[in-house]
Amino acid sequence: MGWMQRLTEGLTKTRDAVRGSVDRLLGRGPDAETLEGLEAALLAADLGVRTVDRLMARLRAETRADAAALRGIIIGTITETLQPSVSEPIERIIDAGPKPFVILVVGVNGAGKTTTIAKLAQRLVASGHHPLLVAADTFRAAAIEQLQVWADRVGVGIVRHQHGADPSAVVFDGVAAAKARNADVLLIDTAGRLHTKTNLMDELRKMKRILGREASGAPHEVLLVLDATLGQNAIAQATQFHEAVGVTGLVLTKLDGSARGGVVVAIADALKLPVRLIGVGEGVDDLQDFHPAEFAAALIQPAS
């Protein structure tokens, strides 16, 4: 299955939520009733107030546009809003950086951090890289064991301590192991307690300091994993993590899990951070690069 087909299928719930309103707009033109219905549907899909306001203003100005032109306005406005989220493939970013390339993966519990790390590790192995995993979420024994299972499955090394150990000590040992084993990528799993917990942010800052001391410029990437089904709450999470640890890229997961996939647009508009990867399904191959134009089309176009 190709990338576009996976994306289109992953966004089915979101697209179905807005399709009726889009179809009415394209069939009847931008009259007051159809515009009101479309606006409500787009807001419910979590595209964000600013993006929807901009889109509706453009549609209201096009009273004589045909269906193709109206669809083009919708897709074009969404694509334009997503431009700050354009990212090079993660492999290219890694190849251009120092070795080991250190990726700190953050986010709240349940967002999909550990699974994302596993999928990314498998993807990197397939592209010829040699990743090493670090189980720095020492607050949950299950998280350590889950990462171990994935490391065994993917066939990569892992650095782990006992449950309750100091996360920063695990990170320290992870950098040393990466150097000793000639790993070119270090993928660090972190605790994901509520983003409002100050001690969690303090721990992440401490890990960043240790990484910077042990590897020049590290972490070279701070990936924030966000659960797209949370809608606007994901933006609040992203804002707080970004303020605390300087997020450099986003991973949006569970885009196949709700009718709120438009939150990618709202996040792009609010934070202007690159979206490195999106998750559009449960399979390893469903961790995909993010392409704004294709995403906008998959969000609006009827499935072929």
C-alpha atoms as a PDB file:
ATOM      1  CA  MET A   1       0.000   0.000   0.000  1.00  0.00           C
ATOM      2  CA  GLY A   2       1.425   3.393  -0.985  1.00  0.00           C
ATOM      3  CA  TRP A   3       1.887   6.422   1.270  1.00  0.00           C
ATOM      4  CA  MET A   4      -1.079   8.341  -0.124  1.00  0.00           C
ATOM      5  CA  GLN A   5      -3.404   5.362   0.209  1.00  0.00           C
ATOM      6  CA  ARG A   6      -2.355   4.805   3.839  1.00  0.00           C
ATOM      7  CA  LEU A   7      -2.842   8.485   4.596  1.00  0.00           C
ATOM      8  CA  THR A   8      -6.218   8.618   2.854  1.00  0.00           C
ATOM      9  CA  GLU A   9      -7.430   5.566   4.753  1.00  0.00           C
ATOM     10  CA  GLY A  10      -6.050   6.880   8.029  1.00  0.00           C
ATOM     11  CA  LEU A  11      -7.960  10.137   7.644  1.00  0.00           C
ATOM     12  CA  THR A  12     -11.252   8.467   6.725  1.00  0.00           C
ATOM     13  CA  LYS A  13     -12.996   9.430   9.976  1.00  0.00           C
ATOM     14  CA  THR A  14     -11.950  13.060   9.713  1.00  0.00           C
ATOM     15  CA  ARG A  15     -12.851  13.264   6.044  1.00  0.00           C
ATOM     16  CA  ASP A  16     -16.238  11.637   6.629  1.00  0.00           C
ATOM     17  CA  ALA A  17     -16.957  14.220   9.324  1.00  0.00           C
ATOM     18  CA  VAL A  18     -16.574  17.124   6.868  1.00  0.00           C
ATOM     19  CA  ARG A  19     -17.517  15.454   3.569  1.00  0.00           C
ATOM     20  CA  GLY A  20     -21.230  16.226   3.732  1.00  0.00           C
ATOM     21  CA  SER A  21     -20.592  19.925   4.287  1.00  0.00           C
ATOM     22  CA  VAL A  22     -17.942  20.049   1.548  1.00  0.00           C
ATOM     23  CA  ASP A  23     -20.226  18.238  -0.901  1.00  0.00           C
ATOM     24  CA  ARG A  24     -23.089  20.643  -0.190  1.00  0.00           C
ATOM     25  CA  LEU A  25     -20.768  23.599  -0.708  1.00  0.00           C
ATOM     26  CA  LEU A  26     -19.511  22.220  -4.014  1.00  0.00           C
ATOM     27  CA  GLY A  27     -23.020  21.395  -5.182  1.00  0.00           C
ATOM     28  CA  ARG A  28     -24.848  24.536  -4.149  1.00  0.00           C
ATOM     29  CA  GLY A  29     -22.102  27.128  -4.010  1.00  0.00           C
ATOM     30  CA  PRO A  30     -21.041  29.332  -1.077  1.00  0.00           C
ATOM     31  CA  ASP A  31     -24.432  30.454   0.220  1.00  0.00           C
ATOM     32  CA  ALA A  32     -24.918  31.370   3.878  1.00  0.00           C
ATOM     33  CA  GLU A  33     -26.354  28.012   4.928  1.00  0.00           C
ATOM     34  CA  THR A  34     -23.687  25.831   3.323  1.00  0.00           C
ATOM     35  CA  LEU A  35     -20.882  28.068   4.591  1.00  0.00           C
ATOM     36  CA  GLU A  36     -22.247  27.907   8.116  1.00  0.00           C
ATOM     37  CA  GLY A  37     -22.422  24.119   7.952  1.00  0.00           C
ATOM     38  CA  LEU A  38     -18.889  23.830   6.583  1.00  0.00           C
ATOM     39  CA  GLU A  39     -17.525  26.168   9.242  1.00  0.00           C
ATOM     40  CA  ALA A  40     -19.080  24.089  12.012  1.00  0.00           C
ATOM     41  CA  ALA A  41     -17.740  20.840  10.502  1.00  0.00           C
ATOM     42  CA  LEU A  42     -14.194  22.181  10.133  1.00  0.00           C
ATOM     43  CA  LEU A  43     -14.169  23.496  13.696  1.00  0.00           C
ATOM     44  CA  ALA A  44     -15.440  20.126  14.954  1.00  0.00           C
ATOM     45  CA  ALA A  45     -12.561  18.471  13.070  1.00  0.00           C
ATOM     46  CA  ASP A  46     -10.202  20.739  15.065  1.00  0.00           C
ATOM     47  CA  LEU A  47      -8.654  22.688  12.210  1.00  0.00           C
ATOM     48  CA  GLY A  48      -8.471  25.645  14.586  1.00  0.00           C
ATOM     49  CA  VAL A  49     -10.325  28.942  14.728  1.00  0.00           C
ATOM     50  CA  ARG A  50      -7.693  31.025  12.934  1.00  0.00           C
ATOM     51  CA  THR A  51      -7.398  28.662   9.988  1.00  0.00           C
ATOM     52  CA  VAL A  52     -11.163  28.236   9.659  1.00  0.00           C
ATOM     53  CA  ASP A  53     -11.732  32.001   9.849  1.00  0.00           C
ATOM     54  CA  ARG A  54      -9.178  32.579   7.086  1.00  0.00           C
ATOM     55  CA  LEU A  55     -10.695  29.857   4.930  1.00  0.00           C
ATOM     56  CA  MET A  56     -14.267  31.059   5.390  1.00  0.00           C
ATOM     57  CA  ALA A  57     -13.308  34.636   4.472  1.00  0.00           C
ATOM     58  CA  ARG A  58     -11.821  33.375   1.198  1.00  0.00           C
ATOM     59  CA  LEU A  59     -14.843  31.245   0.388  1.00  0.00           C
ATOM     60  CA  ARG A  60     -17.267  34.108   1.108  1.00  0.00           C
ATOM     61  CA  ALA A  61     -15.317  36.274  -1.326  1.00  0.00           C
ATOM     62  CA  GLU A  62     -15.768  33.685  -4.119  1.00  0.00           C
ATOM     63  CA  THR A  63     -19.496  33.874  -4.725  1.00  0.00           C
ATOM     64  CA  ARG A  64     -19.191  32.864  -8.401  1.00  0.00           C
ATOM     65  CA  ALA A  65     -16.562  30.147  -8.100  1.00  0.00           C
ATOM     66  CA  ASP A  66     -17.310  26.703  -9.490  1.00  0.00           C
ATOM     67  CA  ALA A  67     -16.885  23.452  -7.562  1.00  0.00           C
ATOM     68  CA  ALA A  68     -13.290  22.887  -8.677  1.00  0.00           C
ATOM     69  CA  ALA A  69     -12.281  26.396  -7.660  1.00  0.00           C
ATOM     70  CA  LEU A  70     -13.969  26.074  -4.263  1.00  0.00           C
ATOM     71  CA  ARG A  71     -12.251  22.775  -3.575  1.00  0.00           C
ATOM     72  CA  GLY A  72      -8.963  24.371  -4.632  1.00  0.00           C
ATOM     73  CA  ILE A  73      -9.500  27.222  -2.159  1.00  0.00           C
ATOM     74  CA  ILE A  74     -10.093  24.784   0.693  1.00  0.00           C
ATOM     75  CA  ILE A  75      -7.120  22.564  -0.099  1.00  0.00           C
ATOM     76  CA  GLY A  76      -4.891  25.537  -0.921  1.00  0.00           C
ATOM     77  CA  THR A  77      -5.662  27.328   2.352  1.00  0.00           C
ATOM     78  CA  ILE A  78      -4.982  24.209   4.406  1.00  0.00           C
ATOM     79  CA  THR A  79      -1.745  23.534   2.517  1.00  0.00           C
ATOM     80  CA  GLU A  80      -0.617  27.124   3.020  1.00  0.00           C
ATOM     81  CA  THR A  81      -1.309  26.892   6.751  1.00  0.00           C
ATOM     82  CA  LEU A  82       0.713  23.680   6.945  1.00  0.00           C
ATOM     83  CA  GLN A  83       3.834  25.106   5.281  1.00  0.00           C
ATOM     84  CA  PRO A  84       5.640  25.813   8.599  1.00  0.00           C
ATOM     85  CA  SER A  85       5.318  22.076   9.282  1.00  0.00           C
ATOM     86  CA  VAL A  86       7.308  21.005   6.223  1.00  0.00           C
ATOM     87  CA  SER A  87      10.184  18.751   7.233  1.00  0.00           C
ATOM     88  CA  GLU A  88      12.984  16.851   5.575  1.00  0.00           C
ATOM     89  CA  PRO A  89      12.807  13.083   6.089  1.00  0.00           C
ATOM     90  CA  ILE A  90      14.169  12.178   9.509  1.00  0.00           C
ATOM     91  CA  GLU A  91      16.854   9.983   7.907  1.00  0.00           C
ATOM     92  CA  ARG A  92      18.235  12.969   6.005  1.00  0.00           C
ATOM     93  CA  ILE A  93      18.300  15.070   9.177  1.00  0.00           C
ATOM     94  CA  ILE A  94      20.177  12.308  10.985  1.00  0.00           C
ATOM     95  CA  ASP A  95      22.669  11.826   8.155  1.00  0.00           C
ATOM     96  CA  ALA A  96      23.484  15.543   8.150  1.00  0.00           C
ATOM     97  CA  GLY A  97      24.056  15.638  11.910  1.00  0.00           C
ATOM     98  CA  PRO A  98      26.776  14.477  14.313  1.00  0.00           C
ATOM     99  CA  LYS A  99      27.224  10.881  15.438  1.00  0.00           C
ATOM    100  CA  PRO A 100      25.703   9.615  17.557  1.00  0.00           C
ATOM    101  CA  PHE A 101      22.652  11.649  16.616  1.00  0.00           C
ATOM    102  CA  VAL A 102      20.676  11.995  19.850  1.00  0.00           C
ATOM    103  CA  ILE A 103      16.871  12.094  19.697  1.00  0.00           C
ATOM    104  CA  LEU A 104      15.017  12.845  22.936  1.00  0.00           C
ATOM    105  CA  VAL A 105      11.407  11.688  22.636  1.00  0.00           C
ATOM    106  CA  VAL A 106       8.917  13.408  24.957  1.00  0.00           C
ATOM    107  CA  GLY A 107       5.168  13.491  25.482  1.00  0.00           C
ATOM    108  CA  VAL A 108       2.487  12.453  27.951  1.00  0.00           C
ATOM    109  CA  ASN A 109       1.535   8.879  28.776  1.00  0.00           C
ATOM    110  CA  GLY A 110      -0.673   7.287  26.167  1.00  0.00           C
ATOM    111  CA  ALA A 111       0.462   9.457  23.270  1.00  0.00           C
ATOM    112  CA  GLY A 112       2.399   6.602  21.705  1.00  0.00           C
ATOM    113  CA  LYS A 113       6.018   7.489  22.525  1.00  0.00           C
ATOM    114  CA  THR A 114       7.337   3.975  23.004  1.00  0.00           C
ATOM    115  CA  THR A 115       5.578   2.598  19.942  1.00  0.00           C
ATOM    116  CA  THR A 116       6.792   5.562  17.897  1.00  0.00           C
ATOM    117  CA  ILE A 117      10.370   4.908  18.998  1.00  0.00           C
ATOM    118  CA  ALA A 118      10.025   1.264  18.003  1.00  0.00           C
ATOM    119  CA  LYS A 119       8.587   2.087  14.586  1.00  0.00           C
ATOM    120  CA  LEU A 120      11.258   4.716  14.015  1.00  0.00           C
ATOM    121  CA  ALA A 121      13.985   2.282  15.050  1.00  0.00           C
ATOM    122  CA  GLN A 122      12.722  -0.303  12.581  1.00  0.00           C
ATOM    123  CA  ARG A 123      12.540   2.327   9.858  1.00  0.00           C
ATOM    124  CA  LEU A 124      16.103   3.423  10.595  1.00  0.00           C
ATOM    125  CA  VAL A 125      17.388  -0.150  10.542  1.00  0.00           C
ATOM    126  CA  ALA A 126      15.729  -0.616   7.151  1.00  0.00           C
ATOM    127  CA  SER A 127      17.556   2.468   5.846  1.00  0.00           C
ATOM    128  CA  GLY A 128      20.948   1.194   7.016  1.00  0.00           C
ATOM    129  CA  HIS A 129      21.268   3.004  10.349  1.00  0.00           C
ATOM    130  CA  HIS A 130      22.330   1.519  13.680  1.00  0.00           C
ATOM    131  CA  PRO A 131      20.045   2.884  16.407  1.00  0.00           C
ATOM    132  CA  LEU A 132      20.358   2.260  20.129  1.00  0.00           C
ATOM    133  CA  LEU A 133      17.347   2.594  22.437  1.00  0.00           C
ATOM    134  CA  VAL A 134      17.448   4.137  25.914  1.00  0.00           C
ATOM    135  CA  ALA A 135      14.698   3.283  28.437  1.00  0.00           C
ATOM    136  CA  ALA A 136      14.720   6.518  30.447  1.00  0.00           C
ATOM    137  CA  ASP A 137      11.097   6.178  31.544  1.00  0.00           C
ATOM    138  CA  THR A 138      12.104   4.548  34.803  1.00  0.00           C
ATOM    139  CA  PHE A 139       8.880   5.465  36.580  1.00  0.00           C
ATOM    140  CA  ARG A 140       6.935   2.685  34.892  1.00  0.00           C
ATOM    141  CA  ALA A 141       8.377  -0.803  34.903  1.00  0.00           C
ATOM    142  CA  ALA A 142       6.001  -1.665  32.073  1.00  0.00           C
ATOM    143  CA  ALA A 143       7.558   1.034  29.892  1.00  0.00           C
ATOM    144  CA  ILE A 144      11.015  -0.477  30.329  1.00  0.00           C
ATOM    145  CA  GLU A 145       9.762  -3.948  29.509  1.00  0.00           C
ATOM    146  CA  GLN A 146       7.766  -2.716  26.516  1.00  0.00           C
ATOM    147  CA  LEU A 147      10.849  -1.026  25.058  1.00  0.00           C
ATOM    148  CA  GLN A 148      12.877  -4.197  25.676  1.00  0.00           C
ATOM    149  CA  VAL A 149      10.310  -6.249  23.756  1.00  0.00           C
ATOM    150  CA  TRP A 150      10.485  -3.827  20.854  1.00  0.00           C
ATOM    151  CA  ALA A 151      14.295  -3.754  20.895  1.00  0.00           C
ATOM    152  CA  ASP A 152      14.355  -7.560  20.684  1.00  0.00           C
ATOM    153  CA  ARG A 153      11.761  -7.554  17.915  1.00  0.00           C
ATOM    154  CA  VAL A 154      13.538  -4.922  15.832  1.00  0.00           C
ATOM    155  CA  GLY A 155      16.974  -6.361  16.577  1.00  0.00           C
ATOM    156  CA  VAL A 156      18.609  -3.320  18.147  1.00  0.00           C
ATOM    157  CA  GLY A 157      20.425  -2.707  21.422  1.00  0.00           C
ATOM    158  CA  ILE A 158      18.899  -1.132  24.500  1.00  0.00           C
ATOM    159  CA  VAL A 159      20.286   0.604  27.592  1.00  0.00           C
ATOM    160  CA  ARG A 160      18.093   0.135  30.665  1.00  0.00           C
ATOM    161  CA  HIS A 161      18.297   0.383  34.445  1.00  0.00           C
ATOM    162  CA  GLN A 162      16.021  -0.910  37.157  1.00  0.00           C
ATOM    163  CA  HIS A 163      12.554   0.505  37.755  1.00  0.00           C
ATOM    164  CA  GLY A 164      12.854   3.672  39.856  1.00  0.00           C
ATOM    165  CA  ALA A 165      16.403   4.521  38.772  1.00  0.00           C
ATOM    166  CA  ASP A 166      17.475   8.084  38.043  1.00  0.00           C
ATOM    167  CA  PRO A 167      16.460   8.781  34.406  1.00  0.00           C
ATOM    168  CA  SER A 168      19.472  11.034  33.920  1.00  0.00           C
ATOM    169  CA  ALA A 169      21.798   8.185  34.894  1.00  0.00           C
ATOM    170  CA  VAL A 170      20.235   6.018  32.202  1.00  0.00           C
ATOM    171  CA  VAL A 171      20.728   8.823  29.673  1.00  0.00           C
ATOM    172  CA  PHE A 172      24.373   9.204  30.721  1.00  0.00           C
ATOM    173  CA  ASP A 173      24.977   5.488  30.223  1.00  0.00           C
ATOM    174  CA  GLY A 174      23.092   5.603  26.925  1.00  0.00           C
ATOM    175  CA  VAL A 175      25.463   8.160  25.439  1.00  0.00           C
ATOM    176  CA  ALA A 176      28.490   6.195  26.628  1.00  0.00           C
ATOM    177  CA  ALA A 177      27.079   2.989  25.150  1.00  0.00           C
ATOM    178  CA  ALA A 178      26.288   4.666  21.827  1.00  0.00           C
ATOM    179  CA  LYS A 179      29.888   5.806  21.532  1.00  0.00           C
ATOM    180  CA  ALA A 180      31.279   2.433  22.551  1.00  0.00           C
ATOM    181  CA  ARG A 181      29.026   0.479  20.183  1.00  0.00           C
ATOM    182  CA  ASN A 182      29.345   2.922  17.270  1.00  0.00           C
ATOM    183  CA  ALA A 183      25.579   3.492  17.206  1.00  0.00           C
ATOM    184  CA  ASP A 184      24.747   6.353  14.872  1.00  0.00           C
ATOM    185  CA  VAL A 185      21.360   7.189  16.431  1.00  0.00           C
ATOM    186  CA  LEU A 186      20.342   7.279  20.089  1.00  0.00           C
ATOM    187  CA  LEU A 187      16.556   7.104  20.668  1.00  0.00           C
ATOM    188  CA  ILE A 188      15.633   8.069  24.228  1.00  0.00           C
ATOM    189  CA  ASP A 189      12.257   7.186  25.723  1.00  0.00           C
ATOM    190  CA  THR A 190      11.192   9.454  28.606  1.00  0.00           C
ATOM    191  CA  ALA A 191       8.552   9.503  31.314  1.00  0.00           C
ATOM    192  CA  GLY A 192       5.177  10.808  30.251  1.00  0.00           C
ATOM    193  CA  ARG A 193       3.334  11.868  33.324  1.00  0.00           C
ATOM    194  CA  LEU A 194       0.993  14.791  32.959  1.00  0.00           C
ATOM    195  CA  HIS A 195       2.591  17.754  31.224  1.00  0.00           C
ATOM    196  CA  THR A 196       1.362  19.991  34.057  1.00  0.00           C
ATOM    197  CA  LYS A 197       3.673  18.228  36.547  1.00  0.00           C
ATOM    198  CA  THR A 198       6.601  20.558  37.204  1.00  0.00           C
ATOM    199  CA  ASN A 199       8.940  17.777  38.345  1.00  0.00           C
ATOM    200  CA  LEU A 200       8.587  16.007  34.993  1.00  0.00           C
ATOM    201  CA  MET A 201       9.703  19.133  33.144  1.00  0.00           C
ATOM    202  CA  ASP A 202      12.567  19.577  35.613  1.00  0.00           C
ATOM    203  CA  GLU A 203      13.675  15.995  34.936  1.00  0.00           C
ATOM    204  CA  LEU A 204      13.578  16.579  31.183  1.00  0.00           C
ATOM    205  CA  ARG A 205      15.656  19.737  31.561  1.00  0.00           C
ATOM    206  CA  LYS A 206      18.201  17.782  33.629  1.00  0.00           C
ATOM    207  CA  MET A 207      18.412  15.111  30.928  1.00  0.00           C
ATOM    208  CA  LYS A 208      18.999  17.811  28.330  1.00  0.00           C
ATOM    209  CA  ARG A 209      21.855  19.263  30.388  1.00  0.00           C
ATOM    210  CA  ILE A 210      23.532  15.877  30.760  1.00  0.00           C
ATOM    211  CA  LEU A 211      23.120  15.106  27.062  1.00  0.00           C
ATOM    212  CA  GLY A 212      24.661  18.455  26.165  1.00  0.00           C
ATOM    213  CA  ARG A 213      27.602  17.753  28.441  1.00  0.00           C
ATOM    214  CA  GLU A 214      28.238  14.231  27.147  1.00  0.00           C
ATOM    215  CA  ALA A 215      27.611  14.786  23.421  1.00  0.00           C
ATOM    216  CA  SER A 216      28.229  18.099  21.690  1.00  0.00           C
ATOM    217  CA  GLY A 217      24.978  19.819  20.751  1.00  0.00           C
ATOM    218  CA  ALA A 218      22.803  17.015  22.135  1.00  0.00           C
ATOM    219  CA  PRO A 219      19.968  16.422  22.071  1.00  0.00           C
ATOM    220  CA  HIS A 220      20.099  17.093  18.355  1.00  0.00           C
ATOM    221  CA  GLU A 221      16.357  16.546  18.042  1.00  0.00           C
ATOM    222  CA  VAL A 222      13.597  16.842  20.642  1.00  0.00           C
ATOM    223  CA  LEU A 223      10.598  15.001  19.233  1.00  0.00           C
ATOM    224  CA  LEU A 224       7.253  15.642  20.887  1.00  0.00           C
ATOM    225  CA  VAL A 225       4.737  12.834  20.346  1.00  0.00           C
ATOM    226  CA  LEU A 226       1.144  14.074  20.372  1.00  0.00           C
ATOM    227  CA  ASP A 227      -2.074  12.071  20.317  1.00  0.00           C
ATOM    228  CA  ALA A 228      -4.160  13.669  17.555  1.00  0.00           C
ATOM    229  CA  THR A 229      -7.394  12.374  19.096  1.00  0.00           C
ATOM    230  CA  LEU A 230      -6.954  14.915  21.898  1.00  0.00           C
ATOM    231  CA  GLY A 231      -7.752  17.772  19.551  1.00  0.00           C
ATOM    232  CA  GLN A 232      -7.088  21.212  20.983  1.00  0.00           C
ATOM    233  CA  ASN A 233      -5.642  19.736  24.191  1.00  0.00           C
ATOM    234  CA  ALA A 234      -2.702  18.583  22.087  1.00  0.00           C
ATOM    235  CA  ILE A 235      -1.848  22.230  21.405  1.00  0.00           C
ATOM    236  CA  ALA A 236      -1.722  22.988  25.147  1.00  0.00           C
ATOM    237  CA  GLN A 237       0.610  20.026  25.644  1.00  0.00           C
ATOM    238  CA  ALA A 238       2.832  21.095  22.781  1.00  0.00           C
ATOM    239  CA  THR A 239       3.081  24.651  24.071  1.00  0.00           C
ATOM    240  CA  GLN A 240       4.180  23.565  27.542  1.00  0.00           C
ATOM    241  CA  PHE A 241       6.705  20.987  26.359  1.00  0.00           C
ATOM    242  CA  HIS A 242       8.116  23.484  23.877  1.00  0.00           C
ATOM    243  CA  GLU A 243       8.582  26.115  26.581  1.00  0.00           C
ATOM    244  CA  ALA A 244      10.249  23.588  28.884  1.00  0.00           C
ATOM    245  CA  VAL A 245      12.622  21.690  26.596  1.00  0.00           C
ATOM    246  CA  GLY A 246      12.663  23.388  23.203  1.00  0.00           C
ATOM    247  CA  VAL A 247      10.788  20.971  20.951  1.00  0.00           C
ATOM    248  CA  THR A 248      12.353  20.776  17.474  1.00  0.00           C
ATOM    249  CA  GLY A 249       9.862  18.464  15.757  1.00  0.00           C
ATOM    250  CA  LEU A 250       6.460  16.843  16.185  1.00  0.00           C
ATOM    251  CA  VAL A 251       5.102  13.343  15.727  1.00  0.00           C
ATOM    252  CA  LEU A 252       1.315  13.198  15.383  1.00  0.00           C
ATOM    253  CA  THR A 253      -0.098   9.766  16.233  1.00  0.00           C
ATOM    254  CA  LYS A 254      -3.512   8.110  16.023  1.00  0.00           C
ATOM    255  CA  LEU A 255      -4.690  10.133  13.037  1.00  0.00           C
ATOM    256  CA  ASP A 256      -6.779   7.099  12.172  1.00  0.00           C
ATOM    257  CA  GLY A 257      -8.479   7.098  15.563  1.00  0.00           C
ATOM    258  CA  SER A 258     -10.992   9.943  15.471  1.00  0.00           C
ATOM    259  CA  ALA A 259     -12.696  12.597  13.379  1.00  0.00           C
ATOM    260  CA  ARG A 260     -10.305  15.255  14.700  1.00  0.00           C
ATOM    261  CA  GLY A 261      -7.328  14.819  12.380  1.00  0.00           C
ATOM    262  CA  GLY A 262      -7.554  18.470  11.444  1.00  0.00           C
ATOM    263  CA  VAL A 263      -5.686  19.273  14.652  1.00  0.00           C
ATOM    264  CA  VAL A 264      -2.477  18.916  12.607  1.00  0.00           C
ATOM    265  CA  VAL A 265      -3.494  22.120  10.852  1.00  0.00           C
ATOM    266  CA  ALA A 266      -4.245  23.920  14.112  1.00  0.00           C
ATOM    267  CA  ILE A 267      -0.916  22.860  15.616  1.00  0.00           C
ATOM    268  CA  ALA A 268       0.977  24.036  12.533  1.00  0.00           C
ATOM    269  CA  ASP A 269      -0.796  27.389  12.667  1.00  0.00           C
ATOM    270  CA  ALA A 270      -0.226  27.872  16.396  1.00  0.00           C
ATOM    271  CA  LEU A 271       3.306  26.571  16.908  1.00  0.00           C
ATOM    272  CA  LYS A 272       5.083  26.799  13.541  1.00  0.00           C
ATOM    273  CA  LEU A 273       6.995  23.588  14.335  1.00  0.00           C
ATOM    274  CA  PRO A 274       7.939  20.991  11.734  1.00  0.00           C
ATOM    275  CA  VAL A 275       5.950  17.758  11.714  1.00  0.00           C
ATOM    276  CA  ARG A 276       8.602  15.078  11.326  1.00  0.00           C
ATOM    277  CA  LEU A 277       6.272  12.082  11.242  1.00  0.00           C
ATOM    278  CA  ILE A 278       2.611  11.121  11.397  1.00  0.00           C
ATOM    279  CA  GLY A 279       1.009   7.868  12.475  1.00  0.00           C
ATOM    280  CA  VAL A 280      -1.905   6.793  10.294  1.00  0.00           C
ATOM    281  CA  GLY A 281      -2.320   3.221  11.540  1.00  0.00           C
ATOM    282  CA  GLU A 282      -1.012   0.495  13.800  1.00  0.00           C
ATOM    283  CA  GLY A 283       1.511  -1.065  11.417  1.00  0.00           C
ATOM    284  CA  VAL A 284       5.215  -0.274  11.388  1.00  0.00           C
ATOM    285  CA  ASP A 285       4.866   1.161   7.888  1.00  0.00           C
ATOM    286  CA  ASP A 286       2.165   3.548   9.070  1.00  0.00           C
ATOM    287  CA  LEU A 287       4.712   5.931  10.616  1.00  0.00           C
ATOM    288  CA  GLN A 288       4.991   8.260   7.657  1.00  0.00           C
ATOM    289  CA  ASP A 289       6.741  11.426   6.551  1.00  0.00           C
ATOM    290  CA  PHE A 290       4.480  14.456   6.499  1.00  0.00           C
ATOM    291  CA  HIS A 291       3.601  16.140   3.192  1.00  0.00           C
ATOM    292  CA  PRO A 292       1.261  19.161   3.593  1.00  0.00           C
ATOM    293  CA  ALA A 293      -0.291  19.191   0.104  1.00  0.00           C
ATOM    294  CA  GLU A 294      -1.040  15.471   0.190  1.00  0.00           C
ATOM    295  CA  PHE A 295      -2.384  15.756   3.726  1.00  0.00           C
ATOM    296  CA  ALA A 296      -4.712  18.600   2.737  1.00  0.00           C
ATOM    297  CA  ALA A 297      -5.972  16.653  -0.263  1.00  0.00           C
ATOM    298  CA  ALA A 298      -6.515  13.492   1.798  1.00  0.00           C
ATOM    299  CA  LEU A 299      -8.439  15.553   4.352  1.00  0.00           C
ATOM    300  CA  ILE A 300     -10.862  16.966   1.779  1.00  0.00           C
ATOM    301  CA  GLN A 301     -10.892  14.828  -1.366  1.00  0.00           C
ATOM    302  CA  PRO A 302     -13.326  11.920  -1.553  1.00  0.00           C
ATOM    303  CA  ALA A 303     -11.598   8.541  -1.384  1.00  0.00           C
ATOM    304  CA  SER A 304     -10.849   7.192  -4.846  1.00  0.00           C
END
